[in-house]
């Protein structure tokens, strides 16, 4: 019989979410566009750092 082994990252995130629910903190809401924008900002910053390192 197979045992269920949850991913530790999922367990950690779920524990934090439950803790926030119990303490009454509002949950952050991220939309797909928020995620895309954050990824785009990271990529722009990465490219800027690469360009600066090549110039030096």
Protein backbone atom coordinates (compact mmCIF):
# COMPACT_ATOMS: atom_id res chain seq x y z
CA UNK A 1 0.00 0.00 0.00
CA UNK A 2 1.41 3.40 -1.00
CA UNK A 3 1.97 6.03 1.62
CA UNK A 4 1.23 9.68 1.13
CA UNK A 5 4.32 11.90 1.43
CA UNK A 6 3.38 15.56 0.94
CA UNK A 7 5.88 17.99 -0.51
CA UNK A 8 7.55 19.91 2.29
CA UNK A 9 7.22 23.24 0.47
CA UNK A 10 3.47 22.73 0.13
CA UNK A 11 3.20 21.82 3.80
CA UNK A 12 5.17 24.94 4.79
CA UNK A 13 3.04 27.26 2.63
CA UNK A 14 -0.17 25.67 3.87
CA UNK A 15 0.96 26.01 7.50
CA UNK A 16 1.69 29.71 6.98
CA UNK A 17 -1.68 30.22 5.30
CA UNK A 18 -3.48 28.48 8.16
CA UNK A 19 -1.54 30.52 10.71
CA UNK A 20 -2.57 33.72 8.96
CA UNK A 21 -6.19 32.58 8.87
CA UNK A 22 -6.16 31.89 12.60
CA UNK A 23 -4.52 35.23 13.48
CA UNK A 24 -6.87 37.18 11.22
CA UNK A 25 -4.26 38.49 8.80
CA UNK A 26 -5.59 39.18 5.31
CA UNK A 27 -4.48 36.74 2.65
CA UNK A 28 -2.55 38.18 -0.27
CA UNK A 29 -4.33 37.81 -3.59
CA UNK A 30 -2.16 37.38 -6.64
CA UNK A 31 -3.59 37.27 -10.11
CA UNK A 32 -1.90 35.66 -13.11
CA UNK A 33 -1.03 39.14 -14.39
CA UNK A 34 0.71 39.93 -11.07
CA UNK A 35 2.82 36.81 -11.47
CA UNK A 36 3.66 37.66 -15.10
CA UNK A 37 4.63 41.22 -14.13
CA UNK A 38 6.87 39.98 -11.33
CA UNK A 39 8.56 37.51 -13.67
CA UNK A 40 9.05 40.24 -16.27
CA UNK A 41 10.62 42.55 -13.67
CA UNK A 42 13.00 39.78 -12.61
CA UNK A 43 13.99 39.10 -16.21
CA UNK A 44 14.56 42.81 -16.93
CA UNK A 45 16.74 43.11 -13.82
CA UNK A 46 18.69 39.96 -14.75
CA UNK A 47 19.37 41.31 -18.25
CA UNK A 48 20.42 44.70 -16.84
CA UNK A 49 22.89 43.04 -14.48
CA UNK A 50 24.32 40.93 -17.31
CA UNK A 51 24.71 43.99 -19.52
CA UNK A 52 26.43 45.95 -16.74
CA UNK A 53 28.81 43.08 -15.99
CA UNK A 54 29.80 42.86 -19.68
CA UNK A 55 30.45 46.62 -19.83
CA UNK A 56 32.90 46.56 -16.93
